[in-house]
């Protein structure tokens, strides 16, 4: 399908992405918090220190697709996982693992005088910071699951290339939650992030190299590995940010049926074919977005690219209204952004999208086109923590897990 878009629409969609981006201070704020928790788990008195805890970021913070909340009443959701890397499923139950980590998180909360209680979710523990912080951290307890994941997939002749980073997680609604068993829920956020990065392809590599070149030109000593995924804004990441906000606004009064982010991100990544601009990427993705949705005659299937046995659309079978909601949203998104792509006047674009994405956002995008204020790529990295011209940058949310040494002291 041929994609047609005006230069003015391209500029507007780029400004729309910039209006959706979160301040670098938010990354820094969240980074300090998860590093602090990592230090706590590795202190001398920690009950889990001997199990080699490893904290790493997952979700939209890791993928670089976080968007500003619609209102100041909403919070940033920082998703982390904490793996006790020396333990295995034969050592304890899901319940044991969750309680073990939960006790340490509660002690950490007390030590930091966090007023809000630690909340237990189905799969995670939630740390809620002060109202002014405007974010909470969800910590999923887990243990390594690479060997079992590889055996599981290879036995069925399925792709196991991402198995090395697989984890087993806790879920208090699972029948085997209290039993010492091999039957644990599976996940692989680091593997998914690597797959997502591979879908960004050469565009990601070129943009990351450009940031590095600009840093070096300014005298900063760094390597390409020092630049995390979130800092490299590709057309795929930008398109997903725009689609997520469009979804959020459309389903503001129907959160139950709202298409989930992992489905939008996965289908968009599958559909992305290396388009170089945000507008072409967005319209091309929308034109192919259902291509990775399968139907076996009974149910819809959207396979986890790191675990073909997991179906991201598994809830659609019991809740067909969620499938209907997804296709209704996709149809609306196609109509809205196709209309914008044909326009040449930014105020008209804002009018088309105002009811879909919020007047404040679309007006900020219009102003952004008229008064661009985006800093240089190297400036962004410096804002994230480059200390000096002679030291490697201490960037937020690096792509490698943070495993502290000794008591020196990652979502």
Protein backbone atom coordinates (compact mmCIF):
# COMPACT_ATOMS: atom_id res chain seq x y z
CA UNK A 1 0.00 0.00 0.00
CA UNK A 2 1.44 3.35 -1.08
CA UNK A 3 1.71 5.92 1.68
CA UNK A 4 1.19 9.60 0.88
CA UNK A 5 1.98 12.31 3.42
CA UNK A 6 2.71 16.02 3.19
CA UNK A 7 5.93 17.58 4.46
CA UNK A 8 3.82 19.69 6.81
CA UNK A 9 2.18 16.57 8.29
CA UNK A 10 5.61 15.01 8.79
CA UNK A 11 6.74 18.07 10.72
CA UNK A 12 3.55 18.07 12.80
CA UNK A 13 3.84 14.38 13.73
CA UNK A 14 7.45 14.92 14.74
CA UNK A 15 6.35 17.79 16.97
CA UNK A 16 3.57 15.59 18.35
CA UNK A 17 6.16 13.00 19.40
CA UNK A 18 8.25 15.66 21.10
CA UNK A 19 5.15 16.83 22.99
CA UNK A 20 4.60 13.26 24.18
CA UNK A 21 8.17 12.71 25.38
CA UNK A 22 8.80 12.71 29.10
CA UNK A 23 11.39 15.04 30.65
CA UNK A 24 14.85 13.52 31.11
CA UNK A 25 14.51 14.39 34.80
CA UNK A 26 11.82 11.69 35.06
CA UNK A 27 14.26 9.06 33.85
CA UNK A 28 16.85 10.32 36.30
CA UNK A 29 14.33 10.31 39.14
CA UNK A 30 13.28 6.74 38.45
CA UNK A 31 16.87 5.64 37.97
CA UNK A 32 17.86 6.92 41.38
CA UNK A 33 14.97 5.00 42.91
CA UNK A 34 15.72 1.62 41.40
CA UNK A 35 19.45 1.98 42.06
CA UNK A 36 18.63 2.79 45.65
CA UNK A 37 16.53 -0.38 45.92
CA UNK A 38 19.37 -2.37 44.36
CA UNK A 39 21.76 -1.01 46.97
CA UNK A 40 19.31 -1.98 49.70
CA UNK A 41 19.04 -5.57 48.48
CA UNK A 42 22.84 -5.85 48.50
CA UNK A 43 23.44 -4.34 51.95
CA UNK A 44 25.13 -6.48 54.60
CA UNK A 45 21.89 -7.17 56.50
CA UNK A 46 19.82 -8.08 53.42
CA UNK A 47 18.03 -11.42 53.65
CA UNK A 48 18.31 -11.89 49.87
CA UNK A 49 21.88 -10.70 49.35
CA UNK A 50 23.25 -14.24 49.15
CA UNK A 51 20.79 -15.03 46.34
CA UNK A 52 22.53 -12.50 44.06
CA UNK A 53 19.62 -10.10 43.39
CA UNK A 54 19.61 -8.38 40.02
CA UNK A 55 17.23 -5.53 39.24
CA UNK A 56 16.45 -4.56 35.64
CA UNK A 57 13.97 -2.34 33.86
CA UNK A 58 11.25 -3.67 31.58
CA UNK A 59 8.25 -2.32 29.70
CA UNK A 60 8.00 1.06 28.02
CA UNK A 61 10.89 2.60 29.98
CA UNK A 62 13.20 -0.05 28.54
CA UNK A 63 11.76 0.20 25.02
CA UNK A 64 11.86 4.00 24.94
CA UNK A 65 8.10 4.35 24.35
CA UNK A 66 7.04 6.10 27.57
CA UNK A 67 4.57 8.94 27.07
CA UNK A 68 3.63 11.82 29.32
CA UNK A 69 0.51 11.13 31.39
CA UNK A 70 -2.65 12.72 29.99
CA UNK A 71 -3.08 14.72 33.20
CA UNK A 72 -1.07 15.64 36.27
CA UNK A 73 -3.29 13.27 38.25
CA UNK A 74 -1.75 10.25 36.51
CA UNK A 75 1.53 8.58 37.43
CA UNK A 76 4.44 7.16 35.50
CA UNK A 77 4.50 3.39 35.82
CA UNK A 78 8.10 2.17 36.15
CA UNK A 79 8.18 -1.60 35.59
CA UNK A 80 11.10 -3.50 37.08
CA UNK A 81 11.94 -7.12 37.68
CA UNK A 82 14.08 -8.42 40.51
CA UNK A 83 15.71 -11.78 39.86
CA UNK A 84 17.27 -13.79 42.67
CA UNK A 85 19.73 -15.27 40.26
CA UNK A 86 21.19 -18.07 42.38
CA UNK A 87 17.77 -19.67 43.03
CA UNK A 88 15.83 -22.13 40.90
CA UNK A 89 12.24 -23.41 40.79
CA UNK A 90 13.29 -26.48 42.78
CA UNK A 91 14.33 -24.29 45.73
CA UNK A 92 11.04 -22.61 46.61
CA UNK A 93 7.47 -21.82 45.58
CA UNK A 94 6.26 -18.70 43.81
CA UNK A 95 4.67 -17.68 47.11
CA UNK A 96 7.97 -18.11 48.96
CA UNK A 97 9.84 -15.97 46.44
CA UNK A 98 7.25 -13.21 46.46
CA UNK A 99 7.13 -13.05 50.25
CA UNK A 100 10.92 -13.11 50.52
CA UNK A 101 11.34 -10.14 48.24
CA UNK A 102 8.25 -8.42 49.61
CA UNK A 103 9.69 -8.32 53.11
CA UNK A 104 12.79 -6.56 51.86
CA UNK A 105 10.75 -4.06 49.84
CA UNK A 106 8.67 -3.26 52.93
CA UNK A 107 11.81 -2.74 55.00
CA UNK A 108 13.17 -0.50 52.25
CA UNK A 109 9.96 1.52 52.30
CA UNK A 110 10.27 2.00 56.05
CA UNK A 111 13.94 2.99 55.79
CA UNK A 112 13.11 5.69 53.24
CA UNK A 113 10.09 6.95 55.22
CA UNK A 114 7.77 6.34 52.27
CA UNK A 115 4.31 7.04 53.66
CA UNK A 116 2.21 4.98 51.27
CA UNK A 117 2.08 1.25 52.09
CA UNK A 118 3.62 -1.34 49.79
CA UNK A 119 0.83 -2.80 47.67
CA UNK A 120 0.75 -6.44 46.55
CA UNK A 121 -0.38 -6.92 42.99
CA UNK A 122 -1.10 -10.17 41.21
CA UNK A 123 2.48 -10.48 39.94
CA UNK A 124 4.37 -7.65 41.58
CA UNK A 125 4.98 -5.43 44.57
CA UNK A 126 4.20 -1.74 44.10
CA UNK A 127 6.20 1.03 45.73
CA UNK A 128 4.25 4.28 45.65
CA UNK A 129 6.31 7.39 46.13
CA UNK A 130 5.19 10.79 47.41
CA UNK A 131 2.48 12.56 45.44
CA UNK A 132 4.95 15.07 44.05
CA UNK A 133 7.09 12.32 42.56
CA UNK A 134 4.24 11.32 40.22
CA UNK A 135 5.44 7.77 39.72
CA UNK A 136 5.29 4.33 41.22
CA UNK A 137 7.51 1.31 40.76
CA UNK A 138 6.15 -2.19 40.11
CA UNK A 139 8.71 -4.86 41.03
CA UNK A 140 8.12 -8.38 39.67
CA UNK A 141 9.93 -11.11 41.65
CA UNK A 142 11.55 -13.67 39.37
CA UNK A 143 14.27 -16.29 38.96
CA UNK A 144 16.26 -17.40 35.88
CA UNK A 145 14.49 -19.79 33.52
CA UNK A 146 16.82 -20.03 30.52
CA UNK A 147 17.43 -23.78 30.49
CA UNK A 148 13.78 -24.78 30.93
CA UNK A 149 12.65 -22.23 28.35
CA UNK A 150 15.12 -23.48 25.78
CA UNK A 151 14.10 -27.10 26.32
CA UNK A 152 10.41 -26.19 26.14
CA UNK A 153 10.74 -24.36 22.83
CA UNK A 154 13.22 -26.70 21.16
CA UNK A 155 11.05 -29.72 22.02
CA UNK A 156 8.35 -28.12 19.86
CA UNK A 157 10.74 -26.98 17.13
CA UNK A 158 10.14 -23.34 18.03
CA UNK A 159 12.61 -20.45 17.91
CA UNK A 160 14.69 -20.38 21.11
CA UNK A 161 17.17 -17.62 20.18
CA UNK A 162 16.03 -15.39 23.08
CA UNK A 163 15.85 -18.14 25.71
CA UNK A 164 19.04 -17.14 27.52
CA UNK A 165 17.30 -14.19 29.22
CA UNK A 166 14.05 -15.99 30.08
CA UNK A 167 12.70 -15.72 33.64
CA UNK A 168 10.08 -17.45 35.74
CA UNK A 169 7.77 -15.02 37.56
CA UNK A 170 5.24 -15.09 40.39
CA UNK A 171 1.45 -14.91 39.97
CA UNK A 172 -0.76 -15.30 43.02
CA UNK A 173 -3.72 -16.41 40.87
CA UNK A 174 -1.87 -19.45 39.52
CA UNK A 175 -3.05 -22.87 40.87
CA UNK A 176 0.57 -23.87 41.65
CA UNK A 177 1.38 -20.61 43.47
CA UNK A 178 2.02 -22.35 46.81
CA UNK A 179 3.75 -25.47 45.48
CA UNK A 180 7.41 -26.21 44.78
CA UNK A 181 7.03 -27.13 41.13
CA UNK A 182 8.41 -26.47 37.63
CA UNK A 183 5.04 -24.96 36.70
CA UNK A 184 5.74 -21.22 36.92
CA UNK A 185 4.51 -18.42 34.65
CA UNK A 186 7.14 -17.43 32.06
CA UNK A 187 8.40 -14.08 30.86
CA UNK A 188 11.36 -12.59 29.01
CA UNK A 189 11.41 -8.77 29.09
CA UNK A 190 15.09 -8.52 28.20
CA UNK A 191 14.64 -10.89 25.26
CA UNK A 192 11.63 -8.89 24.09
CA UNK A 193 13.67 -5.68 24.25
CA UNK A 194 16.39 -7.27 22.11
CA UNK A 195 13.78 -8.40 19.56
CA UNK A 196 12.29 -4.90 19.56
CA UNK A 197 15.72 -3.39 19.00
CA UNK A 198 16.27 -5.79 16.08
CA UNK A 199 12.99 -4.59 14.51
CA UNK A 200 14.29 -1.00 14.63
CA UNK A 201 17.15 -2.33 12.51
CA UNK A 202 19.68 -0.11 10.78
CA UNK A 203 17.70 3.02 11.65
CA UNK A 204 18.41 2.43 15.34
CA UNK A 205 22.08 1.69 14.74
CA UNK A 206 22.56 4.82 12.63
CA UNK A 207 20.80 7.10 15.07
CA UNK A 208 22.71 5.71 18.02
CA UNK A 209 25.99 6.15 16.14
CA UNK A 210 25.01 9.72 15.31
CA UNK A 211 24.52 10.47 19.01
CA UNK A 212 27.91 8.92 19.77
CA UNK A 213 29.62 10.95 17.04
CA UNK A 214 28.10 14.16 18.39
CA UNK A 215 29.20 13.29 21.92
CA UNK A 216 32.76 12.59 20.78
CA UNK A 217 32.84 15.82 18.78
CA UNK A 218 32.12 17.61 22.05
CA UNK A 219 34.92 15.81 23.83
CA UNK A 220 32.89 13.17 25.67
CA UNK A 221 34.58 9.78 25.98
CA UNK A 222 31.94 7.09 25.46
CA UNK A 223 31.13 3.90 23.57
CA UNK A 224 27.99 3.03 21.65
CA UNK A 225 26.96 0.63 24.43
CA UNK A 226 26.68 3.59 26.80
CA UNK A 227 23.67 4.92 24.87
CA UNK A 228 20.47 3.16 25.98
CA UNK A 229 17.51 2.32 23.73
CA UNK A 230 15.22 4.97 25.20
CA UNK A 231 17.65 7.74 24.26
CA UNK A 232 17.60 6.83 20.56
CA UNK A 233 14.30 8.08 19.16
CA UNK A 234 13.47 6.01 16.06
CA UNK A 235 10.35 6.33 13.87
CA UNK A 236 9.09 3.03 15.31
CA UNK A 237 9.31 4.27 18.90
CA UNK A 238 7.68 7.56 17.91
CA UNK A 239 4.85 5.84 16.07
CA UNK A 240 4.13 3.62 19.07
CA UNK A 241 4.06 6.64 21.39
CA UNK A 242 1.53 8.36 19.13
CA UNK A 243 -0.62 5.23 18.83
CA UNK A 244 -0.61 4.65 22.58
CA UNK A 245 -1.81 8.18 23.27
CA UNK A 246 -4.52 7.87 20.59
CA UNK A 247 -5.60 4.62 22.28
CA UNK A 248 -5.55 6.14 25.76
CA UNK A 249 -7.80 9.01 24.72
CA UNK A 250 -10.21 6.83 22.75
CA UNK A 251 -10.65 4.44 25.69
CA UNK A 252 -10.48 6.98 28.52
CA UNK A 253 -13.93 5.81 29.69
CA UNK A 254 -13.39 2.11 28.92
CA UNK A 255 -10.10 0.96 30.49
CA UNK A 256 -11.22 -2.69 30.58
CA UNK A 257 -11.46 -3.08 26.82
CA UNK A 258 -8.56 -0.74 25.98
CA UNK A 259 -6.03 -2.51 23.70
CA UNK A 260 -2.98 -3.35 25.81
CA UNK A 261 0.39 -1.77 25.09
CA UNK A 262 2.24 -5.04 24.49
CA UNK A 263 -0.14 -5.81 21.61
CA UNK A 264 0.23 -2.36 20.06
CA UNK A 265 4.02 -2.42 20.44
CA UNK A 266 4.39 -5.95 19.07
CA UNK A 267 2.13 -5.46 16.05
CA UNK A 268 3.77 -2.12 15.28
CA UNK A 269 7.25 -3.63 15.51
CA UNK A 270 6.24 -6.51 13.23
CA UNK A 271 4.77 -4.04 10.71
CA UNK A 272 7.70 -1.61 10.73
CA UNK A 273 9.88 -1.91 7.63
CA UNK A 274 12.64 0.58 8.30
CA UNK A 275 10.80 3.74 7.29
CA UNK A 276 13.02 6.75 7.91
CA UNK A 277 10.42 9.30 9.04
CA UNK A 278 7.73 9.27 11.72
CA UNK A 279 4.87 9.97 9.32
CA UNK A 280 5.78 7.25 6.82
CA UNK A 281 6.41 4.81 9.66
CA UNK A 282 3.08 5.58 11.36
CA UNK A 283 0.95 5.28 8.22
CA UNK A 284 2.82 2.23 6.96
CA UNK A 285 2.51 0.48 10.32
CA UNK A 286 -1.23 1.22 10.47
CA UNK A 287 -1.68 -0.22 6.96
CA UNK A 288 -0.08 -3.53 7.99
CA UNK A 289 -0.84 -3.68 11.68
CA UNK A 290 -3.05 -6.76 11.65
CA UNK A 291 -0.65 -8.81 9.50
CA UNK A 292 0.87 -10.51 12.57
CA UNK A 293 -2.55 -11.44 14.00
CA UNK A 294 -3.39 -15.07 13.38
CA UNK A 295 -6.71 -16.89 13.75
CA UNK A 296 -6.84 -20.65 14.16
CA UNK A 297 -10.58 -20.93 13.49
CA UNK A 298 -11.40 -20.54 17.17
CA UNK A 299 -9.32 -17.71 18.57
CA UNK A 300 -7.02 -14.83 17.69
CA UNK A 301 -3.30 -15.37 18.25
CA UNK A 302 -0.64 -12.70 18.63
CA UNK A 303 2.54 -14.61 19.42
CA UNK A 304 5.15 -13.37 21.83
CA UNK A 305 8.19 -13.06 19.53
CA UNK A 306 10.43 -14.48 22.26
CA UNK A 307 8.08 -17.31 23.26
CA UNK A 308 5.77 -18.61 20.52
CA UNK A 309 3.79 -20.55 23.13
CA UNK A 310 2.55 -17.29 24.69
CA UNK A 311 -0.44 -15.54 23.10
CA UNK A 312 -0.64 -11.83 23.87
CA UNK A 313 -4.30 -11.94 22.77
CA UNK A 314 -5.24 -14.82 25.06
CA UNK A 315 -7.90 -12.69 26.83
CA UNK A 316 -9.71 -12.04 23.56
CA UNK A 317 -11.16 -15.57 23.52
CA UNK A 318 -13.02 -15.10 26.80
CA UNK A 319 -13.64 -11.41 26.14
CA UNK A 320 -14.43 -11.04 22.42
CA UNK A 321 -15.39 -7.42 23.08
CA UNK A 322 -11.67 -6.71 23.53
CA UNK A 323 -10.93 -7.98 20.03
CA UNK A 324 -13.78 -5.83 18.73
CA UNK A 325 -12.34 -2.85 20.60
CA UNK A 326 -8.90 -3.37 19.06
CA UNK A 327 -10.19 -3.49 15.49
CA UNK A 328 -12.47 -0.50 16.15
CA UNK A 329 -9.48 1.46 17.44
CA UNK A 330 -7.30 0.41 14.48
CA UNK A 331 -9.98 1.54 12.02
CA UNK A 332 -10.29 4.91 13.77
CA UNK A 333 -6.51 5.41 13.96
CA UNK A 334 -6.20 4.71 10.24
CA UNK A 335 -8.90 7.24 9.42
CA UNK A 336 -7.50 9.93 11.72
CA UNK A 337 -3.86 9.74 10.69
CA UNK A 338 -4.63 9.27 6.99
CA UNK A 339 -6.64 12.48 7.19
CA UNK A 340 -3.77 14.29 8.91
CA UNK A 341 -1.30 12.97 6.33
CA UNK A 342 -3.18 14.69 3.52
CA UNK A 343 -3.25 18.12 5.21
CA UNK A 344 -0.83 21.00 4.80
CA UNK A 345 -2.00 23.35 7.59
CA UNK A 346 -0.95 22.53 11.14
CA UNK A 347 -3.99 24.04 12.82
CA UNK A 348 -6.26 21.80 10.74
CA UNK A 349 -4.19 18.78 11.78
CA UNK A 350 -4.60 19.81 15.41
CA UNK A 351 -8.35 20.10 14.89
CA UNK A 352 -8.56 16.59 13.43
CA UNK A 353 -6.62 15.07 16.34
CA UNK A 354 -7.82 17.26 19.22
CA UNK A 355 -10.82 15.05 20.07
CA UNK A 356 -8.68 11.91 19.69
CA UNK A 357 -5.53 12.90 21.58
CA UNK A 358 -6.40 15.96 23.65
CA UNK A 359 -6.46 19.65 22.78
CA UNK A 360 -3.53 20.52 25.06
CA UNK A 361 -1.29 17.97 23.33
CA UNK A 362 -2.25 18.93 19.79
CA UNK A 363 -1.83 22.63 20.56
CA UNK A 364 1.63 21.96 22.02
CA UNK A 365 2.52 20.12 18.82
CA UNK A 366 1.31 23.07 16.72
CA UNK A 367 3.42 25.44 18.78
CA UNK A 368 6.34 23.05 18.53
CA UNK A 369 6.23 23.18 14.74
CA UNK A 370 6.32 26.97 14.85
CA UNK A 371 8.95 27.17 17.60
CA UNK A 372 11.09 24.01 17.57
CA UNK A 373 13.03 23.59 20.79
CA UNK A 374 14.41 20.06 20.64
CA UNK A 375 18.00 19.86 21.96
CA UNK A 376 20.72 18.08 20.05
CA UNK A 377 21.13 14.34 20.46
CA UNK A 378 24.29 14.77 22.47
CA UNK A 379 22.55 17.35 24.61
CA UNK A 380 19.92 14.77 25.46
CA UNK A 381 22.53 12.27 26.54
CA UNK A 382 24.35 14.88 28.59
CA UNK A 383 21.11 15.77 30.32
CA UNK A 384 20.75 12.12 31.22
CA UNK A 385 23.98 12.15 33.14
CA UNK A 386 27.22 12.76 31.26
CA UNK A 387 29.55 13.84 34.03
CA UNK A 388 32.48 15.38 32.17
CA UNK A 389 34.44 15.42 28.95
CA UNK A 390 36.82 12.79 30.24
CA UNK A 391 34.50 10.19 31.76
CA UNK A 392 32.03 7.75 30.22
CA UNK A 393 28.40 8.85 30.58
CA UNK A 394 26.30 7.55 33.44
CA UNK A 395 23.11 7.23 31.43
CA UNK A 396 19.72 6.29 32.83
CA UNK A 397 18.21 2.90 32.11
CA UNK A 398 21.13 1.26 30.37
CA UNK A 399 20.39 -1.87 28.33
CA UNK A 400 22.48 -4.11 30.58
CA UNK A 401 21.31 -5.20 34.01
CA UNK A 402 22.86 -3.49 36.98
CA UNK A 403 24.49 -6.17 39.13
CA UNK A 404 26.28 -4.48 42.03
CA UNK A 405 29.53 -5.78 43.43
CA UNK A 406 29.74 -6.35 47.19
CA UNK A 407 27.51 -3.95 49.13
CA UNK A 408 28.07 -1.22 46.47
CA UNK A 409 25.04 -1.42 45.98
CA UNK A 410 17.15 -1.41 36.81
CA UNK A 411 11.97 -0.97 34.36
